[in-house]
Amino acid sequence: MEPVLDKVVVIGGGGHSKVVIDILQSAGTYEIVGFTDNSDQQRSLCGVPYLGNDEILPELLNKGVLRFIVGLGDNKVRKILFEKIRTVGFMPVNAISPFAHISPHAKIGQGVVVMAGAVINPYAVIKDNVIINTLSGIDHDCIIDSHVHIAPGTSLTGCVRVCEGAFVGTGSKITPNVEIGEWSVIGAGAVVISDILPGSTVVGVPAKKIIAKG
């Protein structure tokens, strides 16, 4: 007799949701009942049905679907949805690719997505609603605060802190003991060798803040 799996709904119907659904299917730890999306698209993703927009969530909760994960890459939108849906009674789950490596000495929060090829090393702390994207590396003693997105191919060396809501762009590299300020943006391919102030956007090698021309 096969075990009864907890039911989960995926929030969002874009490209990131496709990867989240694929990870959940590969891991086989939950029954995916479907996904919601506010664009009212009438199609399936990876064989998973479209259920409607987010207004259907209370009905799902009443039917015993108690778990959710947000499948959206935008940090601000993902934070709003994560906090709202958890407040109404759903419990967040993690989507951890079986092809990722997570040290048993690392700490992982709730609603976390870890994609294929990612490595999370000892004593790293990954807080709630974080995306650790494909082939990214989080080295020892790093702290990744809630609602952060670490993009594909990114390398964080030891003792880096990425504060809430920051976006660390594709292929960027962060040197040891650096702090990335909350809601900042690190451009693709940047090399960060010093602390980044909150709300900043930096690019280049070494990374420098973009100054708006007025």
N, C-alpha and C. Protein backbone atom coordinates (compact mmCIF):
# COMPACT_ATOMS: atom_id res chain seq x y z
N MET A 1 0.84 -1.20 0.00
CA MET A 1 0.00 0.00 0.00
C MET A 1 0.88 1.25 0.00
N GLU A 2 0.60 2.15 -0.96
CA GLU A 2 1.40 3.36 -1.06
C GLU A 2 1.04 4.34 0.06
N PRO A 3 2.06 5.08 0.57
CA PRO A 3 1.78 6.05 1.64
C PRO A 3 0.91 7.20 1.13
N VAL A 4 0.10 7.77 2.01
CA VAL A 4 -0.72 8.94 1.67
C VAL A 4 0.14 10.18 1.82
N LEU A 5 0.25 10.94 0.75
CA LEU A 5 1.08 12.13 0.75
C LEU A 5 0.27 13.37 1.11
N ASP A 6 0.90 14.31 1.81
CA ASP A 6 0.26 15.59 2.08
C ASP A 6 0.04 16.33 0.76
N LYS A 7 -1.07 17.06 0.69
CA LYS A 7 -1.40 17.79 -0.53
C LYS A 7 -0.84 19.20 -0.47
N VAL A 8 -0.34 19.67 -1.62
CA VAL A 8 0.26 21.00 -1.70
C VAL A 8 -0.25 21.71 -2.94
N VAL A 9 -0.43 23.03 -2.85
CA VAL A 9 -0.77 23.86 -3.99
C VAL A 9 0.41 24.78 -4.28
N VAL A 10 0.71 24.95 -5.56
CA VAL A 10 1.78 25.84 -6.00
C VAL A 10 1.15 27.16 -6.41
N ILE A 11 1.72 28.26 -5.91
CA ILE A 11 1.20 29.60 -6.19
C ILE A 11 2.03 30.21 -7.32
N GLY A 12 1.37 30.47 -8.45
CA GLY A 12 2.05 31.06 -9.59
C GLY A 12 2.09 30.10 -10.77
N GLY A 13 2.08 30.67 -11.98
CA GLY A 13 2.03 29.83 -13.17
C GLY A 13 3.07 30.18 -14.22
N GLY A 14 4.15 30.81 -13.81
CA GLY A 14 5.19 31.19 -14.76
C GLY A 14 6.33 30.19 -14.82
N GLY A 15 7.48 30.66 -15.34
CA GLY A 15 8.62 29.79 -15.52
C GLY A 15 9.17 29.23 -14.22
N HIS A 16 9.19 30.05 -13.18
CA HIS A 16 9.70 29.57 -11.89
C HIS A 16 8.82 28.47 -11.33
N SER A 17 7.51 28.60 -11.52
CA SER A 17 6.60 27.56 -11.05
C SER A 17 6.85 26.22 -11.75
N LYS A 18 7.21 26.27 -13.02
CA LYS A 18 7.52 25.03 -13.74
C LYS A 18 8.64 24.28 -13.03
N VAL A 19 9.68 25.02 -12.63
CA VAL A 19 10.82 24.38 -11.97
C VAL A 19 10.43 23.86 -10.59
N VAL A 20 9.64 24.66 -9.86
CA VAL A 20 9.19 24.23 -8.53
C VAL A 20 8.37 22.95 -8.63
N ILE A 21 7.44 22.90 -9.58
CA ILE A 21 6.62 21.70 -9.78
C ILE A 21 7.49 20.51 -10.13
N ASP A 22 8.44 20.71 -11.03
CA ASP A 22 9.33 19.63 -11.44
C ASP A 22 10.13 19.08 -10.25
N ILE A 23 10.59 19.98 -9.37
CA ILE A 23 11.33 19.55 -8.18
C ILE A 23 10.43 18.73 -7.27
N LEU A 24 9.22 19.21 -7.02
CA LEU A 24 8.30 18.48 -6.16
C LEU A 24 7.96 17.10 -6.73
N GLN A 25 7.79 17.05 -8.05
CA GLN A 25 7.52 15.76 -8.68
C GLN A 25 8.71 14.81 -8.54
N SER A 26 9.92 15.34 -8.72
CA SER A 26 11.12 14.50 -8.62
C SER A 26 11.32 14.00 -7.20
N ALA A 27 11.05 14.87 -6.22
CA ALA A 27 11.25 14.49 -4.82
C ALA A 27 10.19 13.50 -4.35
N GLY A 28 8.95 13.64 -4.87
CA GLY A 28 7.89 12.69 -4.56
C GLY A 28 7.41 12.73 -3.12
N THR A 29 7.59 13.86 -2.46
CA THR A 29 7.20 13.94 -1.04
C THR A 29 5.82 14.53 -0.81
N TYR A 30 5.21 15.11 -1.86
CA TYR A 30 3.88 15.71 -1.73
C TYR A 30 3.04 15.36 -2.95
N GLU A 31 1.72 15.41 -2.76
CA GLU A 31 0.79 15.32 -3.87
C GLU A 31 0.45 16.74 -4.31
N ILE A 32 0.81 17.10 -5.53
CA ILE A 32 0.53 18.45 -6.04
C ILE A 32 -0.88 18.46 -6.60
N VAL A 33 -1.77 19.22 -5.96
CA VAL A 33 -3.16 19.23 -6.42
C VAL A 33 -3.35 20.16 -7.61
N GLY A 34 -2.44 21.12 -7.78
CA GLY A 34 -2.54 22.05 -8.89
C GLY A 34 -1.82 23.34 -8.57
N PHE A 35 -2.00 24.32 -9.45
CA PHE A 35 -1.39 25.63 -9.23
C PHE A 35 -2.42 26.73 -9.45
N THR A 36 -2.23 27.85 -8.79
CA THR A 36 -3.07 29.02 -8.99
C THR A 36 -2.28 30.09 -9.74
N ASP A 37 -3.01 30.93 -10.44
CA ASP A 37 -2.36 32.03 -11.15
C ASP A 37 -3.40 33.09 -11.46
N ASN A 38 -3.09 34.33 -11.19
CA ASN A 38 -4.07 35.41 -11.36
C ASN A 38 -4.23 35.89 -12.80
N SER A 39 -3.51 35.28 -13.72
CA SER A 39 -3.69 35.63 -15.13
C SER A 39 -4.82 34.83 -15.78
N ASP A 40 -5.45 33.93 -15.00
CA ASP A 40 -6.56 33.12 -15.49
C ASP A 40 -6.20 32.28 -16.71
N GLN A 41 -4.97 31.78 -16.75
CA GLN A 41 -4.57 30.92 -17.86
C GLN A 41 -5.22 29.54 -17.68
N GLN A 42 -5.69 29.00 -18.77
CA GLN A 42 -6.37 27.71 -18.73
C GLN A 42 -5.46 26.64 -19.35
N ARG A 43 -4.50 26.19 -18.62
CA ARG A 43 -3.58 25.17 -19.12
C ARG A 43 -2.93 24.48 -17.93
N SER A 44 -2.17 23.44 -18.22
CA SER A 44 -1.46 22.74 -17.16
C SER A 44 0.03 23.06 -17.25
N LEU A 45 0.74 22.79 -16.16
CA LEU A 45 2.19 22.91 -16.12
C LEU A 45 2.76 21.58 -15.66
N CYS A 46 3.60 20.97 -16.48
CA CYS A 46 4.24 19.70 -16.14
C CYS A 46 3.19 18.66 -15.73
N GLY A 47 2.02 18.71 -16.37
CA GLY A 47 0.96 17.77 -16.07
C GLY A 47 0.12 18.12 -14.85
N VAL A 48 0.40 19.28 -14.23
CA VAL A 48 -0.32 19.71 -13.03
C VAL A 48 -1.41 20.70 -13.45
N PRO A 49 -2.65 20.53 -13.00
CA PRO A 49 -3.75 21.36 -13.50
C PRO A 49 -3.77 22.78 -12.93
N TYR A 50 -4.30 23.68 -13.73
CA TYR A 50 -4.60 25.04 -13.30
C TYR A 50 -5.90 25.02 -12.51
N LEU A 51 -5.88 25.62 -11.32
CA LEU A 51 -7.04 25.57 -10.43
C LEU A 51 -7.88 26.83 -10.44
N GLY A 52 -7.30 27.95 -10.89
CA GLY A 52 -7.97 29.23 -10.83
C GLY A 52 -7.05 30.27 -10.23
N ASN A 53 -7.62 31.44 -9.92
CA ASN A 53 -6.79 32.47 -9.30
C ASN A 53 -6.73 32.26 -7.79
N ASP A 54 -6.07 33.17 -7.09
CA ASP A 54 -5.83 32.98 -5.67
C ASP A 54 -7.11 33.00 -4.83
N GLU A 55 -8.22 33.43 -5.42
CA GLU A 55 -9.48 33.43 -4.67
C GLU A 55 -9.97 32.02 -4.33
N ILE A 56 -9.41 31.02 -4.99
CA ILE A 56 -9.83 29.64 -4.73
C ILE A 56 -9.14 29.05 -3.49
N LEU A 57 -8.17 29.75 -2.95
CA LEU A 57 -7.39 29.19 -1.84
C LEU A 57 -8.23 28.83 -0.61
N PRO A 58 -9.18 29.68 -0.16
CA PRO A 58 -10.00 29.27 0.99
C PRO A 58 -10.76 27.97 0.74
N GLU A 59 -11.23 27.77 -0.49
CA GLU A 59 -11.93 26.53 -0.83
C GLU A 59 -10.99 25.33 -0.73
N LEU A 60 -9.75 25.51 -1.19
CA LEU A 60 -8.77 24.42 -1.10
C LEU A 60 -8.47 24.09 0.36
N LEU A 61 -8.37 25.12 1.18
CA LEU A 61 -8.10 24.91 2.60
C LEU A 61 -9.22 24.10 3.24
N ASN A 62 -10.46 24.42 2.88
CA ASN A 62 -11.61 23.68 3.42
C ASN A 62 -11.63 22.23 2.96
N LYS A 63 -10.99 21.96 1.81
CA LYS A 63 -10.94 20.59 1.28
C LYS A 63 -9.74 19.81 1.82
N GLY A 64 -8.98 20.42 2.71
CA GLY A 64 -7.87 19.70 3.32
C GLY A 64 -6.53 19.87 2.64
N VAL A 65 -6.45 20.83 1.70
CA VAL A 65 -5.15 21.16 1.12
C VAL A 65 -4.49 22.18 2.05
N LEU A 66 -3.56 21.74 2.84
CA LEU A 66 -3.05 22.56 3.94
C LEU A 66 -1.68 23.17 3.66
N ARG A 67 -1.06 22.77 2.56
CA ARG A 67 0.32 23.18 2.33
C ARG A 67 0.46 23.94 1.02
N PHE A 68 1.44 24.83 0.97
CA PHE A 68 1.65 25.65 -0.23
C PHE A 68 3.13 25.96 -0.41
N ILE A 69 3.47 26.34 -1.63
CA ILE A 69 4.77 26.94 -1.91
C ILE A 69 4.58 27.98 -3.00
N VAL A 70 5.28 29.10 -2.88
CA VAL A 70 5.15 30.18 -3.85
C VAL A 70 6.16 29.96 -4.97
N GLY A 71 5.65 29.86 -6.20
CA GLY A 71 6.50 29.64 -7.36
C GLY A 71 6.69 30.89 -8.18
N LEU A 72 7.17 31.95 -7.55
CA LEU A 72 7.39 33.24 -8.23
C LEU A 72 8.80 33.73 -7.91
N GLY A 73 9.47 34.28 -8.91
CA GLY A 73 10.83 34.74 -8.71
C GLY A 73 10.96 36.14 -8.15
N ASP A 74 9.95 37.00 -8.37
CA ASP A 74 10.00 38.38 -7.90
C ASP A 74 9.94 38.42 -6.38
N ASN A 75 10.97 38.98 -5.76
CA ASN A 75 11.09 38.92 -4.30
C ASN A 75 9.96 39.65 -3.57
N LYS A 76 9.60 40.83 -4.05
CA LYS A 76 8.58 41.61 -3.35
C LYS A 76 7.22 40.93 -3.43
N VAL A 77 6.86 40.45 -4.61
CA VAL A 77 5.58 39.77 -4.77
C VAL A 77 5.58 38.46 -3.99
N ARG A 78 6.71 37.76 -4.03
CA ARG A 78 6.80 36.49 -3.32
C ARG A 78 6.64 36.69 -1.81
N LYS A 79 7.22 37.75 -1.26
CA LYS A 79 7.08 38.04 0.16
C LYS A 79 5.61 38.30 0.52
N ILE A 80 4.94 39.14 -0.27
CA ILE A 80 3.54 39.48 0.01
C ILE A 80 2.68 38.22 0.03
N LEU A 81 2.83 37.38 -1.01
CA LEU A 81 2.01 36.18 -1.10
C LEU A 81 2.34 35.18 0.00
N PHE A 82 3.62 34.99 0.28
CA PHE A 82 4.05 34.04 1.31
C PHE A 82 3.43 34.41 2.66
N GLU A 83 3.53 35.67 3.03
CA GLU A 83 3.03 36.09 4.34
C GLU A 83 1.51 36.05 4.38
N LYS A 84 0.85 36.45 3.28
CA LYS A 84 -0.61 36.46 3.24
C LYS A 84 -1.17 35.05 3.33
N ILE A 85 -0.62 34.12 2.55
CA ILE A 85 -1.16 32.77 2.49
C ILE A 85 -0.88 32.01 3.77
N ARG A 86 0.25 32.25 4.38
CA ARG A 86 0.54 31.59 5.65
C ARG A 86 -0.40 32.09 6.74
N THR A 87 -0.75 33.37 6.67
CA THR A 87 -1.63 33.96 7.68
C THR A 87 -3.02 33.32 7.68
N VAL A 88 -3.51 32.92 6.50
CA VAL A 88 -4.88 32.37 6.43
C VAL A 88 -4.93 30.90 6.81
N GLY A 89 -3.78 30.27 7.10
CA GLY A 89 -3.81 28.92 7.63
C GLY A 89 -3.03 27.87 6.88
N PHE A 90 -2.51 28.19 5.70
CA PHE A 90 -1.67 27.24 4.97
C PHE A 90 -0.28 27.16 5.59
N MET A 91 0.36 26.02 5.42
CA MET A 91 1.72 25.80 5.92
C MET A 91 2.69 25.71 4.74
N PRO A 92 3.78 26.48 4.76
CA PRO A 92 4.73 26.43 3.65
C PRO A 92 5.55 25.14 3.65
N VAL A 93 5.86 24.65 2.46
CA VAL A 93 6.73 23.49 2.32
C VAL A 93 7.99 23.92 1.54
N ASN A 94 9.00 23.08 1.60
CA ASN A 94 10.22 23.30 0.84
C ASN A 94 10.20 22.46 -0.44
N ALA A 95 10.82 22.98 -1.48
CA ALA A 95 11.04 22.22 -2.71
C ALA A 95 12.55 22.08 -2.88
N ILE A 96 13.07 20.92 -2.50
CA ILE A 96 14.51 20.68 -2.51
C ILE A 96 14.80 19.65 -3.60
N SER A 97 15.56 20.05 -4.60
CA SER A 97 15.88 19.12 -5.68
C SER A 97 16.71 17.94 -5.14
N PRO A 98 16.39 16.73 -5.56
CA PRO A 98 17.22 15.60 -5.17
C PRO A 98 18.62 15.66 -5.76
N PHE A 99 18.84 16.61 -6.66
CA PHE A 99 20.15 16.78 -7.28
C PHE A 99 20.92 17.96 -6.69
N ALA A 100 20.45 18.48 -5.56
CA ALA A 100 21.18 19.50 -4.80
C ALA A 100 21.89 18.82 -3.64
N HIS A 101 22.91 19.49 -3.12
CA HIS A 101 23.59 18.98 -1.92
C HIS A 101 23.44 20.00 -0.80
N ILE A 102 22.85 19.54 0.31
CA ILE A 102 22.69 20.39 1.49
C ILE A 102 23.37 19.69 2.66
N SER A 103 24.33 20.36 3.27
CA SER A 103 25.00 19.78 4.42
C SER A 103 24.00 19.51 5.55
N PRO A 104 24.14 18.40 6.25
CA PRO A 104 23.29 18.17 7.42
C PRO A 104 23.53 19.17 8.53
N HIS A 105 24.59 19.94 8.40
CA HIS A 105 24.91 20.95 9.41
C HIS A 105 24.42 22.34 9.00
N ALA A 106 23.73 22.43 7.87
CA ALA A 106 23.10 23.68 7.45
C ALA A 106 21.69 23.74 8.03
N LYS A 107 21.14 24.95 8.10
CA LYS A 107 19.78 25.15 8.62
C LYS A 107 18.91 25.76 7.53
N ILE A 108 17.79 25.11 7.25
CA ILE A 108 16.91 25.53 6.17
C ILE A 108 15.55 25.91 6.76
N GLY A 109 15.02 27.08 6.34
CA GLY A 109 13.74 27.57 6.84
C GLY A 109 12.56 26.94 6.12
N GLN A 110 11.46 27.69 5.99
CA GLN A 110 10.23 27.20 5.38
C GLN A 110 9.97 27.91 4.05
N GLY A 111 9.34 27.20 3.13
CA GLY A 111 9.03 27.79 1.84
C GLY A 111 10.25 28.01 0.96
N VAL A 112 11.31 27.24 1.20
CA VAL A 112 12.58 27.41 0.50
C VAL A 112 12.61 26.55 -0.75
N VAL A 113 13.14 27.10 -1.84
CA VAL A 113 13.36 26.35 -3.08
C VAL A 113 14.86 26.22 -3.30
N VAL A 114 15.33 24.98 -3.44
CA VAL A 114 16.74 24.71 -3.75
C VAL A 114 16.77 23.88 -5.02
N MET A 115 17.38 24.44 -6.06
CA MET A 115 17.32 23.82 -7.38
C MET A 115 18.51 22.91 -7.65
N ALA A 116 18.44 22.21 -8.77
CA ALA A 116 19.43 21.19 -9.11
C ALA A 116 20.84 21.78 -9.19
N GLY A 117 21.80 21.04 -8.64
CA GLY A 117 23.19 21.45 -8.70
C GLY A 117 23.63 22.45 -7.66
N ALA A 118 22.68 22.95 -6.86
CA ALA A 118 23.04 23.90 -5.81
C ALA A 118 23.76 23.16 -4.68
N VAL A 119 24.69 23.88 -4.03
CA VAL A 119 25.43 23.33 -2.89
C VAL A 119 25.30 24.30 -1.72
N ILE A 120 24.86 23.77 -0.58
CA ILE A 120 24.77 24.57 0.65
C ILE A 120 25.64 23.89 1.70
N ASN A 121 26.68 24.57 2.13
CA ASN A 121 27.72 23.97 2.96
C ASN A 121 27.46 24.14 4.45
N PRO A 122 28.28 23.51 5.31
CA PRO A 122 28.00 23.48 6.75
C PRO A 122 27.84 24.86 7.38
N TYR A 123 26.88 24.92 8.30
CA TYR A 123 26.59 26.08 9.13
C TYR A 123 26.06 27.28 8.35
N ALA A 124 25.69 27.05 7.10
CA ALA A 124 24.92 28.06 6.37
C ALA A 124 23.51 28.08 6.93
N VAL A 125 22.90 29.26 6.93
CA VAL A 125 21.52 29.43 7.39
C VAL A 125 20.70 30.02 6.25
N ILE A 126 19.69 29.29 5.82
CA ILE A 126 18.79 29.74 4.76
C ILE A 126 17.44 29.99 5.41
N LYS A 127 16.99 31.22 5.44
CA LYS A 127 15.73 31.55 6.13
C LYS A 127 14.54 31.36 5.19
N ASP A 128 13.37 31.84 5.59
CA ASP A 128 12.12 31.50 4.92
C ASP A 128 11.98 32.13 3.54
N ASN A 129 11.32 31.36 2.62
CA ASN A 129 10.88 31.89 1.33
C ASN A 129 12.04 32.34 0.45
N VAL A 130 13.14 31.61 0.53
CA VAL A 130 14.36 31.91 -0.23
C VAL A 130 14.44 31.01 -1.45
N ILE A 131 14.99 31.53 -2.55
CA ILE A 131 15.30 30.73 -3.73
C ILE A 131 16.82 30.59 -3.84
N ILE A 132 17.29 29.34 -3.84
CA ILE A 132 18.69 29.05 -4.16
C ILE A 132 18.66 28.37 -5.52
N ASN A 133 19.04 29.11 -6.54
CA ASN A 133 18.78 28.68 -7.91
C ASN A 133 19.85 27.72 -8.43
N THR A 134 19.65 27.28 -9.66
CA THR A 134 20.43 26.21 -10.27
C THR A 134 21.94 26.49 -10.24
N LEU A 135 22.71 25.49 -9.77
CA LEU A 135 24.17 25.52 -9.80
C LEU A 135 24.77 26.66 -8.97
N SER A 136 24.06 27.14 -7.98
CA SER A 136 24.61 28.18 -7.10
C SER A 136 25.25 27.54 -5.88
N GLY A 137 26.23 28.26 -5.30
CA GLY A 137 26.95 27.73 -4.16
C GLY A 137 26.89 28.66 -2.96
N ILE A 138 26.48 28.11 -1.82
CA ILE A 138 26.41 28.87 -0.57
C ILE A 138 27.42 28.21 0.37
N ASP A 139 28.50 28.90 0.65
CA ASP A 139 29.57 28.27 1.42
C ASP A 139 29.31 28.38 2.92
N HIS A 140 30.27 27.89 3.68
CA HIS A 140 30.11 27.76 5.13
C HIS A 140 29.77 29.09 5.81
N ASP A 141 28.91 29.02 6.80
CA ASP A 141 28.60 30.15 7.70
C ASP A 141 27.94 31.33 7.01
N CYS A 142 27.42 31.14 5.81
CA CYS A 142 26.64 32.21 5.17
C CYS A 142 25.26 32.28 5.82
N ILE A 143 24.68 33.49 5.81
CA ILE A 143 23.31 33.69 6.28
C ILE A 143 22.52 34.33 5.14
N ILE A 144 21.46 33.65 4.72
CA ILE A 144 20.60 34.16 3.66
C ILE A 144 19.25 34.47 4.30
N ASP A 145 18.94 35.75 4.42
CA ASP A 145 17.71 36.16 5.09
C ASP A 145 16.49 35.91 4.21
N SER A 146 15.30 36.09 4.78
CA SER A 146 14.05 35.75 4.12
C SER A 146 13.84 36.53 2.81
N HIS A 147 13.17 35.87 1.86
CA HIS A 147 12.69 36.47 0.61
C HIS A 147 13.82 36.85 -0.35
N VAL A 148 15.00 36.27 -0.16
CA VAL A 148 16.14 36.50 -1.05
C VAL A 148 16.04 35.56 -2.26
N HIS A 149 16.58 36.01 -3.40
CA HIS A 149 16.72 35.15 -4.58
C HIS A 149 18.19 35.12 -4.96
N ILE A 150 18.79 33.93 -4.86
CA ILE A 150 20.15 33.70 -5.33
C ILE A 150 20.04 33.08 -6.72
N ALA A 151 20.43 33.81 -7.75
CA ALA A 151 20.20 33.41 -9.13
C ALA A 151 21.17 32.30 -9.57
N PRO A 152 20.93 31.69 -10.75
CA PRO A 152 21.76 30.56 -11.19
C PRO A 152 23.24 30.90 -11.31
N GLY A 153 24.06 29.91 -10.94
CA GLY A 153 25.50 30.02 -11.14
C GLY A 153 26.20 31.01 -10.25
N THR A 154 25.58 31.39 -9.14
CA THR A 154 26.15 32.38 -8.24
C THR A 154 27.00 31.70 -7.17
N SER A 155 28.11 32.34 -6.77
CA SER A 155 28.98 31.77 -5.75
C SER A 155 29.11 32.73 -4.57
N LEU A 156 28.69 32.24 -3.40
CA LEU A 156 28.89 32.99 -2.15
C LEU A 156 29.95 32.26 -1.34
N THR A 157 31.06 32.93 -1.07
CA THR A 157 32.11 32.32 -0.28
C THR A 157 31.76 32.45 1.20
N GLY A 158 32.67 32.04 2.08
CA GLY A 158 32.32 31.90 3.49
C GLY A 158 31.92 33.19 4.17
N CYS A 159 30.98 33.05 5.12
CA CYS A 159 30.60 34.12 6.04
C CYS A 159 29.98 35.34 5.36
N VAL A 160 29.30 35.12 4.25
CA VAL A 160 28.56 36.18 3.57
C VAL A 160 27.17 36.27 4.19
N ARG A 161 26.65 37.49 4.34
CA ARG A 161 25.26 37.67 4.75
C ARG A 161 24.51 38.40 3.64
N VAL A 162 23.40 37.82 3.22
CA VAL A 162 22.52 38.45 2.23
C VAL A 162 21.24 38.81 2.96
N CYS A 163 20.97 40.10 3.09
CA CYS A 163 19.85 40.56 3.90
C CYS A 163 18.52 40.48 3.14
N GLU A 164 17.44 40.65 3.86
CA GLU A 164 16.09 40.40 3.36
C GLU A 164 15.83 41.03 2.00
N GLY A 165 15.24 40.21 1.11
CA GLY A 165 14.73 40.69 -0.15
C GLY A 165 15.75 41.00 -1.21
N ALA A 166 17.03 40.78 -0.95
CA ALA A 166 18.06 41.09 -1.95
C ALA A 166 18.00 40.10 -3.10
N PHE A 167 18.45 40.56 -4.27
CA PHE A 167 18.55 39.72 -5.46
C PHE A 167 20.02 39.65 -5.86
N VAL A 168 20.55 38.44 -5.92
CA VAL A 168 21.96 38.24 -6.28
C VAL A 168 21.98 37.61 -7.67
N GLY A 169 22.42 38.39 -8.68
CA GLY A 169 22.22 38.06 -10.08
C GLY A 169 23.07 36.90 -10.58
N THR A 170 22.67 36.41 -11.74
CA THR A 170 23.27 35.23 -12.35
C THR A 170 24.79 35.36 -12.51
N GLY A 171 25.50 34.34 -12.05
CA GLY A 171 26.95 34.28 -12.24
C GLY A 171 27.75 35.24 -11.40
N SER A 172 27.14 35.90 -10.46
CA SER A 172 27.90 36.84 -9.62
C SER A 172 28.68 36.09 -8.56
N LYS A 173 29.69 36.76 -8.01
CA LYS A 173 30.56 36.16 -6.99
C LYS A 173 30.68 37.13 -5.82
N ILE A 174 30.53 36.59 -4.62
CA ILE A 174 30.60 37.40 -3.41
C ILE A 174 31.78 36.91 -2.57
N THR A 175 32.73 37.79 -2.26
CA THR A 175 33.91 37.39 -1.50
C THR A 175 33.60 37.29 -0.01
N PRO A 176 34.49 36.68 0.79
CA PRO A 176 34.16 36.40 2.19
C PRO A 176 33.85 37.63 3.03
N ASN A 177 33.00 37.43 4.02
CA ASN A 177 32.71 38.42 5.07
C ASN A 177 32.04 39.69 4.56
N VAL A 178 31.34 39.58 3.44
CA VAL A 178 30.63 40.72 2.85
C VAL A 178 29.15 40.65 3.26
N GLU A 179 28.54 41.83 3.47
CA GLU A 179 27.10 41.91 3.73
C GLU A 179 26.41 42.59 2.56
N ILE A 180 25.38 41.94 2.04
CA ILE A 180 24.56 42.48 0.96
C ILE A 180 23.31 43.07 1.60
N GLY A 181 23.12 44.37 1.48
CA GLY A 181 22.02 45.06 2.16
C GLY A 181 20.64 44.63 1.68
N GLU A 182 19.64 44.84 2.54
CA GLU A 182 18.28 44.41 2.22
C GLU A 182 17.76 45.10 0.97
N TRP A 183 17.03 44.33 0.17
CA TRP A 183 16.38 44.79 -1.06
C TRP A 183 17.35 45.42 -2.06
N SER A 184 18.61 45.01 -1.99
CA SER A 184 19.58 45.45 -2.99
C SER A 184 19.59 44.48 -4.17
N VAL A 185 20.24 44.90 -5.26
CA VAL A 185 20.32 44.09 -6.48
C VAL A 185 21.77 44.00 -6.90
N ILE A 186 22.26 42.77 -7.07
CA ILE A 186 23.60 42.52 -7.57
C ILE A 186 23.47 42.09 -9.03
N GLY A 187 24.07 42.85 -9.93
CA GLY A 187 23.94 42.56 -11.36
C GLY A 187 24.61 41.27 -11.76
N ALA A 188 24.17 40.73 -12.89
CA ALA A 188 24.73 39.48 -13.40
C ALA A 188 26.23 39.62 -13.63
N GLY A 189 26.98 38.62 -13.17
CA GLY A 189 28.43 38.60 -13.39
C GLY A 189 29.24 39.52 -12.50
N ALA A 190 28.60 40.22 -11.58
CA ALA A 190 29.33 41.15 -10.72
C ALA A 190 30.21 40.39 -9.73
N VAL A 191 31.29 41.04 -9.31
CA VAL A 191 32.15 40.51 -8.26
C VAL A 191 32.11 41.50 -7.10
N VAL A 192 31.54 41.07 -5.98
CA VAL A 192 31.32 41.95 -4.84
C VAL A 192 32.42 41.71 -3.82
N ILE A 193 33.20 42.76 -3.51
CA ILE A 193 34.34 42.62 -2.60
C ILE A 193 34.19 43.48 -1.35
N SER A 194 33.08 44.21 -1.25
CA SER A 194 32.84 45.03 -0.06
C SER A 194 31.34 45.09 0.20
N ASP A 195 30.95 45.57 1.39
CA ASP A 195 29.54 45.61 1.77
C ASP A 195 28.72 46.45 0.80
N ILE A 196 27.47 46.04 0.60
CA ILE A 196 26.54 46.74 -0.28
C ILE A 196 25.43 47.35 0.57
N LEU A 197 25.19 48.64 0.40
CA LEU A 197 24.17 49.32 1.20
C LEU A 197 22.77 48.87 0.81
N PRO A 198 21.83 48.93 1.75
CA PRO A 198 20.45 48.55 1.45
C PRO A 198 19.89 49.35 0.27
N GLY A 199 19.12 48.66 -0.58
CA GLY A 199 18.45 49.32 -1.69
C GLY A 199 19.34 49.69 -2.86
N SER A 200 20.60 49.30 -2.83
CA SER A 200 21.53 49.65 -3.90
C SER A 200 21.42 48.68 -5.06
N THR A 201 21.80 49.15 -6.25
CA THR A 201 22.00 48.28 -7.41
C THR A 201 23.45 48.41 -7.83
N VAL A 202 24.17 47.28 -7.88
CA VAL A 202 25.59 47.32 -8.21
C VAL A 202 25.87 46.39 -9.38
N VAL A 203 26.86 46.77 -10.19
CA VAL A 203 27.25 45.96 -11.35
C VAL A 203 28.76 46.05 -11.50
N GLY A 204 29.33 45.11 -12.26
CA GLY A 204 30.72 45.21 -12.67
C GLY A 204 31.70 44.42 -11.83
N VAL A 205 32.98 44.54 -12.25
CA VAL A 205 34.10 43.86 -11.59
C VAL A 205 35.20 44.88 -11.32
N PRO A 206 35.40 45.27 -10.06
CA PRO A 206 34.57 44.94 -8.90
C PRO A 206 33.23 45.68 -8.96
N ALA A 207 32.26 45.22 -8.21
CA ALA A 207 30.93 45.79 -8.28
C ALA A 207 30.89 47.22 -7.77
N LYS A 208 30.22 48.09 -8.52
CA LYS A 208 30.04 49.49 -8.12
C LYS A 208 28.58 49.88 -8.27
N LYS A 209 28.15 50.80 -7.42
CA LYS A 209 26.76 51.23 -7.43
C LYS A 209 26.44 52.00 -8.69
N ILE A 210 25.26 51.73 -9.26
CA ILE A 210 24.77 52.50 -10.39
C ILE A 210 24.25 53.84 -9.88
N ILE A 211 24.73 54.91 -10.45
CA ILE A 211 24.28 56.26 -10.08
C ILE A 211 23.34 56.77 -11.17
N ALA A 212 22.12 57.04 -10.80
CA ALA A 212 21.14 57.53 -11.77
C ALA A 212 21.53 58.92 -12.27
N LYS A 213 21.41 59.12 -13.57
CA LYS A 213 21.69 60.43 -14.15
C LYS A 213 20.40 61.23 -14.23
N GLY A 214 20.44 62.46 -13.71
CA GLY A 214 19.22 63.26 -13.72
C GLY A 214 19.42 64.61 -14.36
